[in-house]
Protein backbone atom coordinates (compact mmCIF):
# COMPACT_ATOMS: atom_id res chain seq x y z
CA MET A 1 0.00 0.00 0.00
CA TYR A 2 1.23 3.49 -0.82
CA SER A 3 1.44 6.46 1.52
CA ILE A 4 -0.88 9.45 1.13
CA SER A 5 -0.11 13.05 2.01
CA GLU A 6 -1.93 16.31 1.33
CA GLY A 7 -0.94 19.94 1.38
CA TYR A 8 -1.29 23.39 -0.11
CA ALA A 9 1.04 25.27 -2.44
CA ALA A 10 0.93 29.05 -2.09
CA PHE A 11 0.17 30.55 -5.50
CA GLN A 12 -0.03 34.31 -5.90
CA ASN A 13 -2.34 35.26 -3.02
CA TYR A 14 -4.14 31.92 -3.12
CA GLN A 15 -3.73 28.24 -2.27
CA THR A 16 -3.57 25.19 -4.54
CA TRP A 17 -4.57 21.96 -2.82
CA TYR A 18 -2.69 18.79 -3.77
CA ARG A 19 -2.46 15.15 -2.75
CA ILE A 20 0.48 12.78 -3.22
CA CYS A 21 -0.14 9.04 -3.42
CA GLY A 22 3.20 7.28 -3.03
CA ASP A 23 6.77 8.42 -2.48
CA LEU A 24 8.22 11.22 -4.62
CA ARG A 25 11.67 9.73 -3.94
CA SER A 26 10.81 6.24 -5.19
CA GLY A 27 13.14 6.56 -8.19
CA LEU A 28 10.27 6.49 -10.69
CA THR A 29 9.23 9.69 -12.43
CA PRO A 30 6.14 11.01 -10.61
CA LEU A 31 2.88 11.52 -12.50
CA VAL A 32 0.94 14.77 -12.13
CA VAL A 33 -2.78 14.59 -13.01
CA ALA A 34 -4.60 17.70 -14.29
CA HIS A 35 -8.39 17.51 -14.15
CA GLY A 36 -10.80 18.83 -16.73
CA GLY A 37 -13.56 21.37 -16.93
CA PRO A 38 -12.30 24.01 -16.86
CA GLY A 39 -13.91 24.05 -13.46
CA CYS A 40 -14.03 20.39 -12.42
CA THR A 41 -12.29 18.89 -9.38
CA HIS A 42 -9.78 16.09 -8.94
CA ASP A 43 -12.49 13.70 -7.69
CA TYR A 44 -13.65 12.30 -11.04
CA VAL A 45 -10.06 11.48 -12.11
CA ASP A 46 -9.24 9.98 -8.71
CA ALA A 47 -8.92 6.52 -10.34
CA PHE A 48 -5.44 7.39 -11.61
CA ARG A 49 -4.23 6.92 -8.04
CA ASP A 50 -4.27 3.20 -8.95
CA ILE A 51 -0.97 3.82 -10.74
CA ALA A 52 0.67 4.49 -7.37
CA GLU A 53 0.36 0.74 -6.73
CA THR A 54 3.25 0.31 -9.19
CA GLY A 55 5.57 2.39 -7.01
CA ARG A 56 5.20 5.57 -9.05
CA ALA A 57 4.00 8.61 -7.08
CA VAL A 58 0.77 10.15 -8.40
CA ILE A 59 -0.10 13.77 -7.66
CA HIS A 60 -3.64 15.09 -7.94
CA TYR A 61 -4.50 18.74 -7.44
CA ASP A 62 -7.53 21.00 -7.61
CA GLN A 63 -6.99 23.89 -9.97
CA LEU A 64 -7.56 27.40 -8.66
CA GLY A 65 -11.23 28.21 -8.22
CA ASN A 66 -12.20 24.58 -7.73
CA GLY A 67 -12.43 21.81 -5.15
CA ARG A 68 -10.26 22.35 -2.10
CA SER A 69 -8.22 25.14 -3.66
CA THR A 70 -9.10 28.82 -3.23
CA HIS A 71 -12.48 29.74 -4.71
CA LEU A 72 -12.84 33.13 -6.34
CA PRO A 73 -16.48 33.54 -7.36
CA ARG A 74 -16.23 37.31 -7.69
CA LYS A 75 -13.35 37.35 -10.16
CA PRO A 76 -14.31 38.66 -13.61
CA ALA A 77 -14.39 36.27 -16.55
CA ASP A 78 -11.15 37.62 -18.00
CA PHE A 79 -9.25 36.53 -14.87
CA TRP A 80 -9.63 32.90 -15.89
CA GLN A 81 -7.01 32.42 -18.62
CA VAL A 82 -4.90 29.49 -19.85
CA SER A 83 -1.82 31.39 -18.69
CA LEU A 84 -3.13 31.46 -15.11
CA PHE A 85 -3.38 27.67 -14.99
CA LEU A 86 0.01 27.20 -16.66
CA ASP A 87 1.54 29.41 -13.97
CA GLU A 88 -0.28 27.45 -11.26
CA LEU A 89 1.00 24.14 -12.63
CA ASN A 90 4.58 25.42 -12.81
CA ASN A 91 4.27 26.74 -9.26
CA LEU A 92 3.07 23.33 -8.03
CA LEU A 93 5.97 21.53 -9.73
CA GLN A 94 8.42 23.90 -8.06
CA HIS A 95 6.69 23.57 -4.68
CA LEU A 96 6.92 19.78 -4.82
CA GLY A 97 10.54 19.84 -5.99
CA ILE A 98 9.81 17.79 -9.12
CA ALA A 99 10.18 20.44 -11.84
CA ASP A 100 13.25 18.63 -13.17
CA ASN A 101 11.57 15.21 -13.53
CA TYR A 102 7.85 14.53 -13.96
CA ALA A 103 5.21 13.13 -16.30
CA LEU A 104 1.93 14.96 -16.90
CA LEU A 105 -1.51 13.49 -17.55
CA GLY A 106 -4.36 15.81 -18.42
CA GLN A 107 -7.97 14.75 -18.95
CA SER A 108 -10.33 16.77 -21.19
CA TRP A 109 -9.53 20.44 -20.43
CA GLY A 110 -6.60 19.06 -18.42
CA GLY A 111 -5.26 17.55 -21.65
CA MET A 112 -5.54 20.92 -23.35
CA LEU A 113 -3.58 22.38 -20.45
CA ALA A 114 -1.03 19.56 -20.70
CA ALA A 115 -0.58 20.30 -24.41
CA GLU A 116 -0.14 24.01 -23.71
CA HIS A 117 2.50 23.07 -21.12
CA ALA A 118 4.27 20.58 -23.37
CA VAL A 119 4.60 22.88 -26.40
CA LEU A 120 6.77 25.15 -24.21
CA ARG A 121 9.25 22.25 -23.93
CA PRO A 122 9.86 22.34 -20.16
CA THR A 123 13.10 20.49 -19.49
CA GLY A 124 11.70 18.37 -16.67
CA LEU A 125 8.76 16.94 -18.61
CA LYS A 126 9.55 13.33 -19.54
CA ALA A 127 6.22 12.11 -20.98
CA ALA A 128 2.67 13.34 -21.50
CA VAL A 129 -0.76 11.73 -21.55
CA ILE A 130 -3.54 13.67 -23.30
CA ALA A 131 -6.82 11.99 -22.42
CA ASN A 132 -10.17 12.73 -24.08
CA SER A 133 -9.11 16.18 -25.25
CA PRO A 134 -9.72 18.34 -28.32
CA ALA A 135 -6.94 19.95 -30.34
CA SER A 136 -9.25 22.87 -31.09
CA MET A 137 -12.60 24.04 -29.80
CA ALA A 138 -13.88 24.47 -33.36
CA LEU A 139 -13.44 20.73 -33.88
CA TRP A 140 -15.02 20.05 -30.48
CA LEU A 141 -18.08 22.10 -31.36
CA GLN A 142 -18.45 20.43 -34.75
CA ALA A 143 -18.34 17.00 -33.13
CA ALA A 144 -20.74 18.09 -30.40
CA ALA A 145 -23.20 19.31 -33.02
CA ARG A 146 -22.97 15.99 -34.85
CA LEU A 147 -23.51 13.98 -31.65
CA ARG A 148 -26.29 16.27 -30.50
CA ALA A 149 -28.09 15.84 -33.83
CA ALA A 150 -28.31 12.11 -33.08
CA LEU A 151 -30.22 12.67 -29.83
CA PRO A 152 -33.97 11.96 -29.77
CA PRO A 153 -35.92 14.80 -31.47
CA ASP A 154 -37.75 15.79 -28.28
CA VAL A 155 -34.43 16.16 -26.46
CA GLN A 156 -32.99 18.28 -29.27
CA ASN A 157 -36.09 20.48 -29.26
CA SER A 158 -35.91 20.96 -25.51
CA LEU A 159 -32.27 22.00 -25.73
CA LEU A 160 -32.97 24.49 -28.51
CA GLU A 161 -36.01 25.97 -26.77
CA HIS A 162 -34.21 26.62 -23.51
CA GLU A 163 -31.08 27.96 -25.21
CA ALA A 164 -33.23 30.40 -27.18
CA ALA A 165 -35.09 31.43 -24.04
CA GLY A 166 -31.94 31.64 -21.92
CA THR A 167 -33.41 29.24 -19.35
CA LEU A 168 -30.24 27.18 -19.08
CA THR A 169 -30.59 26.48 -15.37
CA SER A 170 -34.08 25.00 -15.68
CA GLU A 171 -34.69 21.41 -14.71
CA ALA A 172 -35.96 20.63 -18.21
CA TYR A 173 -32.73 21.85 -19.81
CA ARG A 174 -30.64 19.94 -17.29
CA ALA A 175 -32.63 16.78 -17.95
CA ALA A 176 -32.18 17.12 -21.71
CA SER A 177 -28.45 17.79 -21.28
CA GLN A 178 -28.15 14.67 -19.16
CA VAL A 179 -29.22 12.52 -22.11
CA PHE A 180 -26.14 13.75 -23.99
CA TYR A 181 -23.95 13.30 -20.90
CA GLN A 182 -25.12 9.72 -20.39
CA ARG A 183 -24.21 8.86 -23.98
CA HIS A 184 -20.97 10.78 -24.44
CA VAL A 185 -19.53 11.79 -21.03
CA CYS A 186 -19.94 8.74 -18.77
CA ARG A 187 -21.98 5.71 -19.79
CA LEU A 188 -22.00 4.01 -16.40
CA VAL A 189 -25.34 3.83 -14.58
CA PRO A 190 -25.35 5.15 -11.98
CA TRP A 191 -22.35 7.42 -12.22
CA PRO A 192 -19.55 6.50 -9.79
CA ALA A 193 -19.64 8.52 -6.59
CA GLU A 194 -16.41 10.36 -7.44
CA VAL A 195 -17.84 11.49 -10.79
CA GLN A 196 -21.02 12.70 -9.15
CA ARG A 197 -18.98 14.61 -6.53
CA THR A 198 -17.29 16.59 -9.27
CA PHE A 199 -20.55 17.51 -10.98
CA ASP A 200 -22.11 18.46 -7.64
CA ALA A 201 -19.10 20.68 -6.91
CA MET A 202 -19.44 22.37 -10.30
CA ASP A 203 -23.11 23.02 -9.63
CA ALA A 204 -22.19 24.58 -6.28
CA ASP A 205 -19.58 26.91 -7.83
CA PRO A 206 -19.63 27.07 -11.64
CA THR A 207 -17.48 30.21 -11.81
CA VAL A 208 -14.59 28.79 -13.83
CA TYR A 209 -16.70 26.52 -16.03
CA HIS A 210 -19.07 29.30 -17.03
CA ALA A 211 -16.26 31.80 -17.65
CA MET A 212 -14.11 29.55 -19.82
CA ASN A 213 -16.56 27.00 -21.25
CA GLY A 214 -20.23 27.85 -20.87
CA PRO A 215 -23.37 26.25 -19.47
CA THR A 216 -22.86 22.74 -20.93
CA GLU A 217 -20.35 20.56 -22.75
CA PHE A 218 -21.97 21.28 -26.11
CA HIS A 219 -23.00 24.93 -25.65
CA VAL A 220 -19.57 26.57 -25.46
CA ILE A 221 -19.75 30.37 -25.24
CA GLY A 222 -16.89 31.08 -22.80
CA SER A 223 -13.37 32.39 -23.37
CA MET A 224 -12.13 29.01 -24.67
CA LYS A 225 -14.54 28.92 -27.62
CA ASP A 226 -11.82 29.93 -30.13
CA TRP A 227 -8.95 27.97 -28.55
CA ASN A 228 -6.68 26.10 -30.98
CA ILE A 229 -3.28 24.47 -30.48
CA ILE A 230 -2.96 22.55 -33.76
CA ASP A 231 -0.28 24.78 -35.29
CA ARG A 232 1.92 24.43 -32.17
CA LEU A 233 1.72 20.68 -31.61
CA HIS A 234 4.88 19.99 -33.59
CA ALA A 235 6.81 21.58 -30.71
CA ILE A 236 5.94 18.78 -28.27
CA ALA A 237 9.22 16.94 -27.77
CA VAL A 238 8.27 14.13 -25.37
CA PRO A 239 6.55 10.76 -25.93
CA THR A 240 2.80 11.35 -25.77
CA LEU A 241 -0.05 8.91 -25.17
CA LEU A 242 -3.45 9.87 -26.59
CA ILE A 243 -6.57 8.36 -25.02
CA SER A 244 -10.19 8.52 -26.15
CA GLY A 245 -13.37 6.46 -25.98
CA ARG A 246 -15.38 5.05 -28.86
CA TYR A 247 -18.46 7.06 -27.74
CA ASP A 248 -16.43 10.05 -26.54
CA GLU A 249 -17.59 13.63 -26.97
CA ALA A 250 -13.91 14.02 -27.88
CA ALA A 251 -14.68 12.21 -31.14
CA PRO A 252 -11.90 10.85 -33.41
CA GLU A 253 -11.80 13.95 -35.60
CA VAL A 254 -11.27 16.04 -32.45
CA VAL A 255 -8.22 14.00 -31.37
CA GLN A 256 -6.76 13.38 -34.85
CA PRO A 257 -4.60 16.56 -35.01
CA PHE A 258 -2.67 15.39 -31.94
CA ALA A 259 -1.86 12.15 -33.77
CA ASP A 260 -1.01 14.02 -36.95
CA HIS A 261 1.32 16.64 -35.48
CA ILE A 262 2.94 15.39 -32.25
CA PRO A 263 6.20 13.79 -33.43
CA GLU A 264 6.20 10.81 -31.03
CA ASN A 265 2.74 9.63 -30.08
CA GLU A 266 0.49 6.60 -29.74
CA TRP A 267 -3.30 6.59 -29.61
CA VAL A 268 -5.51 4.12 -27.74
CA ILE A 269 -9.29 4.14 -28.21
CA PHE A 270 -11.30 2.34 -25.52
CA GLU A 271 -14.16 0.54 -27.25
CA SER A 272 -16.64 0.51 -24.35
CA SER A 273 -16.04 4.05 -23.12
CA SER A 274 -17.16 7.58 -23.75
CA HIS A 275 -15.35 10.55 -22.14
CA MET A 276 -14.10 8.73 -19.05
CA PRO A 277 -12.28 5.46 -19.84
CA HIS A 278 -10.52 5.83 -16.48
CA VAL A 279 -13.83 4.90 -14.79
CA GLU A 280 -15.69 3.17 -17.64
CA GLU A 281 -12.82 0.76 -18.37
CA ARG A 282 -10.72 1.46 -15.31
CA THR A 283 -8.48 -1.60 -15.26
CA ALA A 284 -7.64 -1.44 -18.96
CA CYS A 285 -7.04 2.30 -18.86
CA MET A 286 -4.71 2.09 -15.87
CA LYS A 287 -2.76 -0.72 -17.52
CA THR A 288 -2.39 1.31 -20.70
CA VAL A 289 -1.08 4.38 -18.88
CA THR A 290 1.16 2.33 -16.57
CA ASN A 291 2.77 0.48 -19.47
CA PHE A 292 3.28 3.69 -21.45
CA LEU A 293 4.99 5.38 -18.52
CA ALA A 294 7.13 2.32 -17.83
CA ARG A 295 8.44 2.44 -21.41
CA HIS A 296 9.33 6.12 -21.34
CA CYS A 297 10.09 7.28 -17.80
């Protein structure tokens, strides 16, 4: 069994919560896990702690504005920028003393953040895992529109009616959105408790999600709506594992640019998963990530 420790890293005038599963001095390159959203919490990606059973330390953290880190509900939308979260990640690496040797796994928005980090070629980054992430929001929105068009007509009509009326917090809109989520975000019924905890936390404080994304996964109107990293992917200089699910909202055309432009990459699609193979096919996903890391760091 691995050890568990928690702490806070001072960042600007705030605090970033983190948890370490395992020993940072084990001799194996530690894995840092960046959650999605923007605006989720570490809870729904908690499964990656399984990798600590191999002797490799695994670090989870809650990004600023979320989970156990400092919440800032009164900050204006333009406070929440990619650069802020890159600075927070770098600060955490320095705080933990691992900036010269680490691997980074990002899921969904976390994978976008991981790509933004990797294109800067930090010397300590040894390997990257980009899980269920888009290479551009334009591609994400195109895929979302295609998947949404396959929903039952009454669900589509309900979504359109409430978006036109601006009643995005209504129970009817939430119920219609959940049909999409059950198909393309997490197909398990019921959702695992750790997944539900994240969504409950986002409902309690949606500040970051609304500022950067929007009200739902497929109605993106926040600051990230024009984000695109495709023309910078060639700069990633470390081995990179790409993960997606067969029913993923991060559809194949959304992930394809990573495979096309990252010089050294491999792509695994989990056939029974949507956006969360780490819970939908937990054992297989952990084995895939563990084996990839063992080969490269």
